[in-house]
Amino acid sequence: MCTWADRILLAKRAIEPRKGFWTVPAGYMELGETTEQAAEREAREEACAKHRDRTAARHVQRGPRIGQVQIMYRARGC
């Protein structure tokens, strides 16, 4: 989650599922990436955002029904 002052960076989804809805930049990890590297790459790819002052994981959620673990970081100055 990238923030600037009191604002949160959002991206409008261009593909399904939920095409046209607003969301925080997110995606899947590539082989060989750390979770931090994946978060930085996804923010850059989806919203052209470069950030600094990243904090540790703010939220971890497990989705056993869909076989995913979601990790959210907070970064300032995006």
N, C-alpha and C. Protein backbone atom coordinates (compact mmCIF):
# COMPACT_ATOMS: atom_id res chain seq x y z
N MET A 1 0.86 -1.16 0.00
CA MET A 1 0.00 0.00 0.00
C MET A 1 0.91 1.22 0.00
N CYS A 2 0.88 1.98 -1.07
CA CYS A 2 1.70 3.18 -1.20
C CYS A 2 0.90 4.40 -0.74
N THR A 3 1.54 5.21 0.09
CA THR A 3 0.87 6.42 0.57
C THR A 3 1.70 7.65 0.25
N TRP A 4 1.02 8.76 0.07
CA TRP A 4 1.63 10.06 -0.13
C TRP A 4 0.80 11.04 0.70
N ALA A 5 1.41 11.59 1.73
CA ALA A 5 0.68 12.44 2.69
C ALA A 5 -0.49 11.62 3.25
N ASP A 6 -1.71 12.08 3.03
CA ASP A 6 -2.87 11.35 3.56
C ASP A 6 -3.60 10.58 2.47
N ARG A 7 -2.93 10.31 1.35
CA ARG A 7 -3.58 9.62 0.23
C ARG A 7 -2.99 8.22 0.03
N ILE A 8 -3.82 7.32 -0.49
CA ILE A 8 -3.42 5.96 -0.80
C ILE A 8 -3.46 5.77 -2.31
N LEU A 9 -2.38 5.21 -2.87
CA LEU A 9 -2.31 4.96 -4.31
C LEU A 9 -3.23 3.80 -4.68
N LEU A 10 -4.10 4.03 -5.64
CA LEU A 10 -4.99 2.98 -6.15
C LEU A 10 -4.77 2.83 -7.65
N ALA A 11 -5.08 1.65 -8.16
CA ALA A 11 -5.01 1.37 -9.59
C ALA A 11 -6.37 0.82 -10.02
N LYS A 12 -6.82 1.23 -11.20
CA LYS A 12 -8.08 0.72 -11.72
C LYS A 12 -7.81 -0.55 -12.51
N ARG A 13 -8.48 -1.63 -12.13
CA ARG A 13 -8.24 -2.93 -12.78
C ARG A 13 -8.65 -2.90 -14.25
N ALA A 14 -7.74 -3.40 -15.11
CA ALA A 14 -7.99 -3.42 -16.55
C ALA A 14 -8.43 -4.81 -17.03
N ILE A 15 -8.34 -5.81 -16.15
CA ILE A 15 -8.69 -7.17 -16.53
C ILE A 15 -9.58 -7.80 -15.47
N GLU A 16 -10.23 -8.89 -15.84
CA GLU A 16 -11.03 -9.66 -14.88
C GLU A 16 -10.09 -10.44 -13.98
N PRO A 17 -10.46 -10.76 -12.77
CA PRO A 17 -11.75 -10.46 -12.17
C PRO A 17 -11.85 -9.01 -11.70
N ARG A 18 -13.04 -8.53 -11.59
CA ARG A 18 -13.36 -7.19 -11.08
C ARG A 18 -12.82 -6.06 -11.96
N LYS A 19 -12.85 -6.26 -13.27
CA LYS A 19 -12.42 -5.23 -14.22
C LYS A 19 -13.18 -3.93 -13.94
N GLY A 20 -12.44 -2.81 -13.94
CA GLY A 20 -13.05 -1.51 -13.70
C GLY A 20 -13.10 -1.09 -12.24
N PHE A 21 -12.79 -2.00 -11.32
CA PHE A 21 -12.79 -1.67 -9.90
C PHE A 21 -11.43 -1.12 -9.49
N TRP A 22 -11.42 -0.30 -8.44
CA TRP A 22 -10.19 0.27 -7.91
C TRP A 22 -9.59 -0.67 -6.87
N THR A 23 -8.27 -0.77 -6.85
CA THR A 23 -7.57 -1.65 -5.92
C THR A 23 -6.17 -1.13 -5.65
N VAL A 24 -5.53 -1.62 -4.61
CA VAL A 24 -4.13 -1.30 -4.40
C VAL A 24 -3.31 -2.14 -5.39
N PRO A 25 -2.16 -1.63 -5.87
CA PRO A 25 -1.33 -2.44 -6.77
C PRO A 25 -0.92 -3.74 -6.07
N ALA A 26 -1.07 -4.84 -6.77
CA ALA A 26 -0.78 -6.15 -6.19
C ALA A 26 -0.54 -7.15 -7.30
N GLY A 27 -0.03 -8.31 -6.93
CA GLY A 27 0.18 -9.36 -7.91
C GLY A 27 0.90 -10.54 -7.31
N TYR A 28 1.41 -11.40 -8.16
CA TYR A 28 2.06 -12.62 -7.74
C TYR A 28 3.57 -12.46 -7.73
N MET A 29 4.23 -13.28 -6.91
CA MET A 29 5.69 -13.29 -6.86
C MET A 29 6.25 -14.05 -8.06
N GLU A 30 7.44 -13.65 -8.49
CA GLU A 30 8.19 -14.38 -9.50
C GLU A 30 9.16 -15.32 -8.78
N LEU A 31 9.58 -16.37 -9.45
CA LEU A 31 10.55 -17.28 -8.85
C LEU A 31 11.83 -16.52 -8.50
N GLY A 32 12.36 -16.76 -7.32
CA GLY A 32 13.60 -16.14 -6.91
C GLY A 32 13.46 -14.78 -6.25
N GLU A 33 12.24 -14.24 -6.18
CA GLU A 33 12.01 -12.93 -5.55
C GLU A 33 11.73 -13.08 -4.07
N THR A 34 12.10 -12.06 -3.31
CA THR A 34 11.64 -11.97 -1.93
C THR A 34 10.26 -11.32 -1.97
N THR A 35 9.54 -11.38 -0.86
CA THR A 35 8.23 -10.73 -0.82
C THR A 35 8.38 -9.22 -0.98
N GLU A 36 9.45 -8.64 -0.43
CA GLU A 36 9.69 -7.20 -0.57
C GLU A 36 9.95 -6.82 -2.03
N GLN A 37 10.76 -7.62 -2.72
CA GLN A 37 11.05 -7.35 -4.13
C GLN A 37 9.78 -7.46 -4.98
N ALA A 38 8.95 -8.44 -4.69
CA ALA A 38 7.70 -8.60 -5.43
C ALA A 38 6.78 -7.40 -5.22
N ALA A 39 6.69 -6.91 -3.99
CA ALA A 39 5.84 -5.74 -3.71
C ALA A 39 6.34 -4.52 -4.48
N GLU A 40 7.65 -4.30 -4.49
CA GLU A 40 8.22 -3.16 -5.22
C GLU A 40 7.96 -3.29 -6.72
N ARG A 41 8.18 -4.48 -7.27
CA ARG A 41 7.98 -4.70 -8.71
C ARG A 41 6.53 -4.50 -9.10
N GLU A 42 5.60 -5.05 -8.33
CA GLU A 42 4.19 -4.90 -8.67
C GLU A 42 3.74 -3.45 -8.62
N ALA A 43 4.20 -2.69 -7.63
CA ALA A 43 3.84 -1.26 -7.56
C ALA A 43 4.38 -0.52 -8.78
N ARG A 44 5.59 -0.88 -9.20
CA ARG A 44 6.20 -0.24 -10.37
C ARG A 44 5.46 -0.63 -11.65
N GLU A 45 5.17 -1.93 -11.82
CA GLU A 45 4.51 -2.41 -13.03
C GLU A 45 3.07 -1.92 -13.16
N GLU A 46 2.33 -1.93 -12.07
CA GLU A 46 0.91 -1.62 -12.14
C GLU A 46 0.59 -0.14 -12.01
N ALA A 47 1.45 0.63 -11.37
CA ALA A 47 1.12 2.04 -11.14
C ALA A 47 2.30 2.98 -11.38
N CYS A 48 3.40 2.47 -11.98
CA CYS A 48 4.60 3.28 -12.22
C CYS A 48 5.08 3.96 -10.95
N ALA A 49 4.92 3.30 -9.81
CA ALA A 49 5.26 3.90 -8.52
C ALA A 49 6.62 3.39 -8.04
N LYS A 50 7.45 4.33 -7.64
CA LYS A 50 8.70 3.99 -6.97
C LYS A 50 8.57 4.54 -5.56
N HIS A 51 8.90 3.74 -4.60
CA HIS A 51 8.67 4.19 -3.23
C HIS A 51 9.94 4.14 -2.40
N ARG A 52 9.87 4.77 -1.28
CA ARG A 52 10.95 4.73 -0.30
C ARG A 52 10.30 4.54 1.08
N ASP A 53 11.11 4.29 2.05
CA ASP A 53 10.62 4.17 3.43
C ASP A 53 9.57 3.07 3.57
N ARG A 54 9.90 1.88 3.08
CA ARG A 54 8.98 0.74 3.21
C ARG A 54 9.04 0.19 4.63
N THR A 55 7.91 -0.14 5.18
CA THR A 55 7.87 -0.74 6.51
C THR A 55 7.65 -2.24 6.38
N ALA A 56 7.80 -2.93 7.47
CA ALA A 56 7.59 -4.37 7.48
C ALA A 56 6.14 -4.70 7.11
N ALA A 57 5.90 -5.97 6.89
CA ALA A 57 4.56 -6.41 6.51
C ALA A 57 3.54 -5.89 7.51
N ARG A 58 2.47 -5.28 6.99
CA ARG A 58 1.43 -4.71 7.82
C ARG A 58 0.26 -5.66 8.00
N HIS A 59 0.10 -6.56 7.06
CA HIS A 59 -1.06 -7.44 7.12
C HIS A 59 -0.73 -8.73 6.38
N VAL A 60 -1.00 -9.84 6.99
CA VAL A 60 -0.82 -11.15 6.36
C VAL A 60 -2.16 -11.87 6.45
N GLN A 61 -2.61 -12.38 5.32
CA GLN A 61 -3.91 -13.06 5.27
C GLN A 61 -3.74 -14.35 4.49
N ARG A 62 -4.32 -15.40 5.01
CA ARG A 62 -4.25 -16.71 4.35
C ARG A 62 -5.61 -17.01 3.75
N GLY A 63 -5.60 -17.43 2.48
CA GLY A 63 -6.85 -17.80 1.81
C GLY A 63 -6.82 -19.28 1.45
N PRO A 64 -7.14 -20.15 2.41
CA PRO A 64 -7.02 -21.59 2.14
C PRO A 64 -7.91 -22.08 1.01
N ARG A 65 -9.04 -21.44 0.82
CA ARG A 65 -9.96 -21.86 -0.24
C ARG A 65 -9.35 -21.65 -1.62
N ILE A 66 -8.52 -20.62 -1.76
CA ILE A 66 -7.92 -20.32 -3.06
C ILE A 66 -6.41 -20.60 -3.07
N GLY A 67 -5.87 -21.14 -1.96
CA GLY A 67 -4.47 -21.53 -1.91
C GLY A 67 -3.49 -20.38 -2.02
N GLN A 68 -3.78 -19.26 -1.36
CA GLN A 68 -2.91 -18.10 -1.42
C GLN A 68 -2.60 -17.57 -0.03
N VAL A 69 -1.45 -16.94 0.09
CA VAL A 69 -1.11 -16.13 1.25
C VAL A 69 -0.89 -14.73 0.73
N GLN A 70 -1.56 -13.75 1.31
CA GLN A 70 -1.43 -12.36 0.88
C GLN A 70 -0.68 -11.58 1.94
N ILE A 71 0.34 -10.83 1.50
CA ILE A 71 1.16 -10.02 2.39
C ILE A 71 1.09 -8.58 1.90
N MET A 72 0.75 -7.65 2.80
CA MET A 72 0.66 -6.25 2.42
C MET A 72 1.73 -5.45 3.16
N TYR A 73 2.48 -4.65 2.41
CA TYR A 73 3.48 -3.75 2.96
C TYR A 73 2.96 -2.32 2.87
N ARG A 74 3.51 -1.43 3.67
CA ARG A 74 3.19 -0.02 3.55
C ARG A 74 4.45 0.71 3.13
N ALA A 75 4.33 1.57 2.13
CA ALA A 75 5.46 2.38 1.66
C ALA A 75 5.01 3.83 1.56
N ARG A 76 5.89 4.73 1.93
CA ARG A 76 5.58 6.16 1.84
C ARG A 76 6.33 6.80 0.71
N GLY A 77 5.80 7.89 0.22
CA GLY A 77 6.48 8.65 -0.81
C GLY A 77 6.40 8.06 -2.19
N CYS A 78 5.29 7.41 -2.50
CA CYS A 78 5.12 6.79 -3.82
C CYS A 78 4.75 7.83 -4.85
